[in-house]
Amino acid sequence: MPAKLVFGLKNGTSVQKELPDAEFKFFLGKKVNDHVKGDAFGYPGYEFEISGGSDYCGFPMRWDVPGFQRKQILAVKGVGLKMTAKGIKHRKTVCGNTIHPKIAQLNLKVVKEGSTPLAPPKAEGEAKPEAKEEKK
């Protein structure tokens, strides 16, 4: 199962690419907040920071949970939580901070840009999708 990489660019947009299993092996054992060079998986000149991800069931990775297994944590705020009221604690299932083969998506933040752009430039004449008319 190929993993998806989501690159967060400096201008606030993101680009999603699929990574084959052979190239994903480079990430195994790395942790959230680690810096990686893009040369190892096809992006020469780039440097990325692993900012998170999710496993095959959709549980988010959390930087402060060690290991690769899922844990049910009691938390007030942070990754995987919506604050409903101030100070209320929630029991949530999250994934550990170590990358393992069952990770389906990795979020990477661009720290240093390379010579080639990650996203292809948009064509000048590309039309925006038209807004649908409201029925009354």
C-alpha atoms as a PDB file:
ATOM      1  CA  MET A   1       0.000   0.000   0.000  1.00  0.00           C
ATOM      2  CA  PRO A   2       1.665   3.256  -1.096  1.00  0.00           C
ATOM      3  CA  ALA A   3       1.840   6.020   1.482  1.00  0.00           C
ATOM      4  CA  LYS A   4       0.806   9.593   0.810  1.00  0.00           C
ATOM      5  CA  LEU A   5       3.125  12.504   1.469  1.00  0.00           C
ATOM      6  CA  VAL A   6       1.604  15.919   2.082  1.00  0.00           C
ATOM      7  CA  PHE A   7       4.113  18.745   1.677  1.00  0.00           C
ATOM      8  CA  GLY A   8       3.283  22.002   3.472  1.00  0.00           C
ATOM      9  CA  LEU A   9       4.784  24.836   1.441  1.00  0.00           C
ATOM     10  CA  LYS A  10       5.942  28.198   2.773  1.00  0.00           C
ATOM     11  CA  ASN A  11       3.123  30.078   1.017  1.00  0.00           C
ATOM     12  CA  GLY A  12       0.474  28.174   2.994  1.00  0.00           C
ATOM     13  CA  THR A  13      -0.577  25.710   0.316  1.00  0.00           C
ATOM     14  CA  SER A  14       0.031  21.971   0.321  1.00  0.00           C
ATOM     15  CA  VAL A  15       0.908  19.385  -2.310  1.00  0.00           C
ATOM     16  CA  GLN A  16       0.036  15.695  -2.062  1.00  0.00           C
ATOM     17  CA  LYS A  17       2.101  12.933  -3.702  1.00  0.00           C
ATOM     18  CA  GLU A  18       2.057   9.138  -3.469  1.00  0.00           C
ATOM     19  CA  LEU A  19       5.233   7.362  -2.430  1.00  0.00           C
ATOM     20  CA  PRO A  20       5.867   3.700  -3.350  1.00  0.00           C
ATOM     21  CA  ASP A  21       6.710   1.207  -0.609  1.00  0.00           C
ATOM     22  CA  ALA A  22      10.349   0.922  -1.698  1.00  0.00           C
ATOM     23  CA  GLU A  23      10.951   4.637  -1.105  1.00  0.00           C
ATOM     24  CA  PHE A  24       8.818   4.731   2.062  1.00  0.00           C
ATOM     25  CA  LYS A  25      11.309   2.406   3.799  1.00  0.00           C
ATOM     26  CA  PHE A  26      13.565   5.440   4.193  1.00  0.00           C
ATOM     27  CA  PHE A  27      11.112   6.911   6.721  1.00  0.00           C
ATOM     28  CA  LEU A  28      10.722   3.792   8.902  1.00  0.00           C
ATOM     29  CA  GLY A  29      12.012   4.416  12.429  1.00  0.00           C
ATOM     30  CA  LYS A  30      12.067   8.200  12.097  1.00  0.00           C
ATOM     31  CA  LYS A  31      10.025  10.304  14.521  1.00  0.00           C
ATOM     32  CA  VAL A  32       7.787  13.338  14.348  1.00  0.00           C
ATOM     33  CA  ASN A  33       9.822  16.609  14.374  1.00  0.00           C
ATOM     34  CA  ASP A  34      12.864  14.918  12.740  1.00  0.00           C
ATOM     35  CA  HIS A  35      14.522  16.650   9.783  1.00  0.00           C
ATOM     36  CA  VAL A  36      15.056  14.614   6.594  1.00  0.00           C
ATOM     37  CA  LYS A  37      16.844  15.352   3.321  1.00  0.00           C
ATOM     38  CA  GLY A  38      14.750  15.097   0.172  1.00  0.00           C
ATOM     39  CA  ASP A  39      17.575  13.469  -1.819  1.00  0.00           C
ATOM     40  CA  ALA A  40      16.722  10.047  -0.354  1.00  0.00           C
ATOM     41  CA  PHE A  41      13.212   9.943  -1.826  1.00  0.00           C
ATOM     42  CA  GLY A  42      13.374  11.930  -5.055  1.00  0.00           C
ATOM     43  CA  TYR A  43      13.429  15.628  -4.079  1.00  0.00           C
ATOM     44  CA  PRO A  44      17.042  16.818  -4.430  1.00  0.00           C
ATOM     45  CA  GLY A  45      17.997  20.013  -2.623  1.00  0.00           C
ATOM     46  CA  TYR A  46      14.978  19.964  -0.324  1.00  0.00           C
ATOM     47  CA  GLU A  47      14.995  19.563   3.439  1.00  0.00           C
ATOM     48  CA  PHE A  48      11.795  18.622   5.279  1.00  0.00           C
ATOM     49  CA  GLU A  49      10.572  18.390   8.851  1.00  0.00           C
ATOM     50  CA  ILE A  50       8.175  15.551   9.693  1.00  0.00           C
ATOM     51  CA  SER A  51       5.228  17.365  11.258  1.00  0.00           C
ATOM     52  CA  GLY A  52       2.801  14.464  11.712  1.00  0.00           C
ATOM     53  CA  GLY A  53       0.711  11.898   9.929  1.00  0.00           C
ATOM     54  CA  SER A  54      -1.959   9.273  10.408  1.00  0.00           C
ATOM     55  CA  ASP A  55      -2.175   5.483  10.319  1.00  0.00           C
ATOM     56  CA  TYR A  56      -4.300   3.288   8.048  1.00  0.00           C
ATOM     57  CA  CYS A  57      -7.368   3.713  10.304  1.00  0.00           C
ATOM     58  CA  GLY A  58      -7.084   7.516  10.415  1.00  0.00           C
ATOM     59  CA  PHE A  59      -5.725   7.937  13.942  1.00  0.00           C
ATOM     60  CA  PRO A  60      -3.337  10.925  14.079  1.00  0.00           C
ATOM     61  CA  MET A  61       0.292  10.672  15.137  1.00  0.00           C
ATOM     62  CA  ARG A  62       1.129  12.631  18.262  1.00  0.00           C
ATOM     63  CA  TRP A  63       4.639  13.895  18.956  1.00  0.00           C
ATOM     64  CA  ASP A  64       4.572  13.283  22.725  1.00  0.00           C
ATOM     65  CA  VAL A  65       3.419   9.622  22.609  1.00  0.00           C
ATOM     66  CA  PRO A  66       6.536   7.404  22.312  1.00  0.00           C
ATOM     67  CA  GLY A  67       6.615   4.278  20.163  1.00  0.00           C
ATOM     68  CA  PHE A  68       4.521   3.170  17.221  1.00  0.00           C
ATOM     69  CA  GLN A  69       1.460   1.599  18.859  1.00  0.00           C
ATOM     70  CA  ARG A  70      -1.888   3.269  19.452  1.00  0.00           C
ATOM     71  CA  LYS A  71      -2.597   4.664  22.895  1.00  0.00           C
ATOM     72  CA  GLN A  72      -5.670   6.054  24.554  1.00  0.00           C
ATOM     73  CA  ILE A  73      -4.519   9.252  26.190  1.00  0.00           C
ATOM     74  CA  LEU A  74      -6.259  11.671  28.498  1.00  0.00           C
ATOM     75  CA  ALA A  75      -5.610  15.133  27.101  1.00  0.00           C
ATOM     76  CA  VAL A  76      -6.900  18.672  27.377  1.00  0.00           C
ATOM     77  CA  LYS A  77      -5.680  20.032  24.029  1.00  0.00           C
ATOM     78  CA  GLY A  78      -3.401  19.184  21.137  1.00  0.00           C
ATOM     79  CA  VAL A  79      -3.355  16.866  18.137  1.00  0.00           C
ATOM     80  CA  GLY A  80      -6.555  14.905  17.622  1.00  0.00           C
ATOM     81  CA  LEU A  81      -8.733  17.015  19.943  1.00  0.00           C
ATOM     82  CA  LYS A  82     -11.346  19.701  19.592  1.00  0.00           C
ATOM     83  CA  MET A  83     -11.778  21.914  22.635  1.00  0.00           C
ATOM     84  CA  THR A  84     -15.415  21.864  23.662  1.00  0.00           C
ATOM     85  CA  ALA A  85     -15.026  23.716  26.925  1.00  0.00           C
ATOM     86  CA  LYS A  86     -12.011  25.039  28.786  1.00  0.00           C
ATOM     87  CA  GLY A  87     -10.301  22.502  31.045  1.00  0.00           C
ATOM     88  CA  ILE A  88     -12.374  19.462  30.019  1.00  0.00           C
ATOM     89  CA  LYS A  89     -10.244  16.342  29.539  1.00  0.00           C
ATOM     90  CA  HIS A  90     -10.972  13.868  26.755  1.00  0.00           C
ATOM     91  CA  ARG A  91      -9.897  10.255  26.279  1.00  0.00           C
ATOM     92  CA  LYS A  92      -8.692   9.970  22.673  1.00  0.00           C
ATOM     93  CA  THR A  93      -6.948   7.270  20.666  1.00  0.00           C
ATOM     94  CA  VAL A  94      -3.771   8.473  18.966  1.00  0.00           C
ATOM     95  CA  CYS A  95      -0.797   6.880  17.224  1.00  0.00           C
ATOM     96  CA  GLY A  96       2.767   7.060  18.557  1.00  0.00           C
ATOM     97  CA  ASN A  97       5.434   9.373  17.180  1.00  0.00           C
ATOM     98  CA  THR A  98       7.538   6.714  15.402  1.00  0.00           C
ATOM     99  CA  ILE A  99       6.911   5.954  11.723  1.00  0.00           C
ATOM    100  CA  HIS A 100       6.057   2.299  11.010  1.00  0.00           C
ATOM    101  CA  PRO A 101       4.760   0.373   7.950  1.00  0.00           C
ATOM    102  CA  LYS A 102       1.073   0.962   8.777  1.00  0.00           C
ATOM    103  CA  ILE A 103       1.341   4.742   8.456  1.00  0.00           C
ATOM    104  CA  ALA A 104      -0.851   5.828   5.529  1.00  0.00           C
ATOM    105  CA  GLN A 105      -0.081   9.556   5.406  1.00  0.00           C
ATOM    106  CA  LEU A 106       2.923  11.659   6.377  1.00  0.00           C
ATOM    107  CA  ASN A 107       2.833  15.418   6.723  1.00  0.00           C
ATOM    108  CA  LEU A 108       6.093  17.165   5.855  1.00  0.00           C
ATOM    109  CA  LYS A 109       6.949  20.831   6.271  1.00  0.00           C
ATOM    110  CA  VAL A 110       9.426  22.381   3.813  1.00  0.00           C
ATOM    111  CA  VAL A 111      12.423  23.784   5.714  1.00  0.00           C
ATOM    112  CA  LYS A 112      14.775  24.373   2.769  1.00  0.00           C
ATOM    113  CA  GLU A 113      13.625  24.575  -0.842  1.00  0.00           C
ATOM    114  CA  GLY A 114      15.389  22.910  -3.760  1.00  0.00           C
ATOM    115  CA  SER A 115      15.823  24.088  -7.335  1.00  0.00           C
ATOM    116  CA  THR A 116      12.775  22.357  -8.832  1.00  0.00           C
ATOM    117  CA  PRO A 117       9.287  23.289  -7.560  1.00  0.00           C
ATOM    118  CA  LEU A 118       7.164  20.658  -5.796  1.00  0.00           C
ATOM    119  CA  ALA A 119       3.933  21.895  -7.336  1.00  0.00           C
ATOM    120  CA  PRO A 120       3.683  22.428 -11.085  1.00  0.00           C
ATOM    121  CA  PRO A 121       2.981  26.076 -11.910  1.00  0.00           C
ATOM    122  CA  LYS A 122      -0.623  26.872 -12.833  1.00  0.00           C
ATOM    123  CA  ALA A 123      -1.340  27.822 -16.411  1.00  0.00           C
ATOM    124  CA  GLU A 124      -2.313  31.443 -17.002  1.00  0.00           C
ATOM    125  CA  GLY A 125      -5.468  30.599 -18.942  1.00  0.00           C
ATOM    126  CA  GLU A 126      -6.706  27.981 -16.500  1.00  0.00           C
ATOM    127  CA  ALA A 127     -10.338  28.654 -15.679  1.00  0.00           C
ATOM    128  CA  LYS A 128     -11.640  28.581 -12.139  1.00  0.00           C
ATOM    129  CA  PRO A 129     -14.639  26.338 -11.465  1.00  0.00           C
ATOM    130  CA  GLU A 130     -17.888  28.246 -11.714  1.00  0.00           C
ATOM    131  CA  ALA A 131     -20.039  28.654  -8.643  1.00  0.00           C
ATOM    132  CA  LYS A 132     -23.313  26.748  -8.682  1.00  0.00           C
ATOM    133  CA  GLU A 133     -26.505  28.752  -8.757  1.00  0.00           C
ATOM    134  CA  GLU A 134     -28.701  28.557  -5.708  1.00  0.00           C
ATOM    135  CA  LYS A 135     -32.198  27.132  -6.061  1.00  0.00           C
ATOM    136  CA  LYS A 136     -34.917  29.081  -4.354  1.00  0.00           C
END
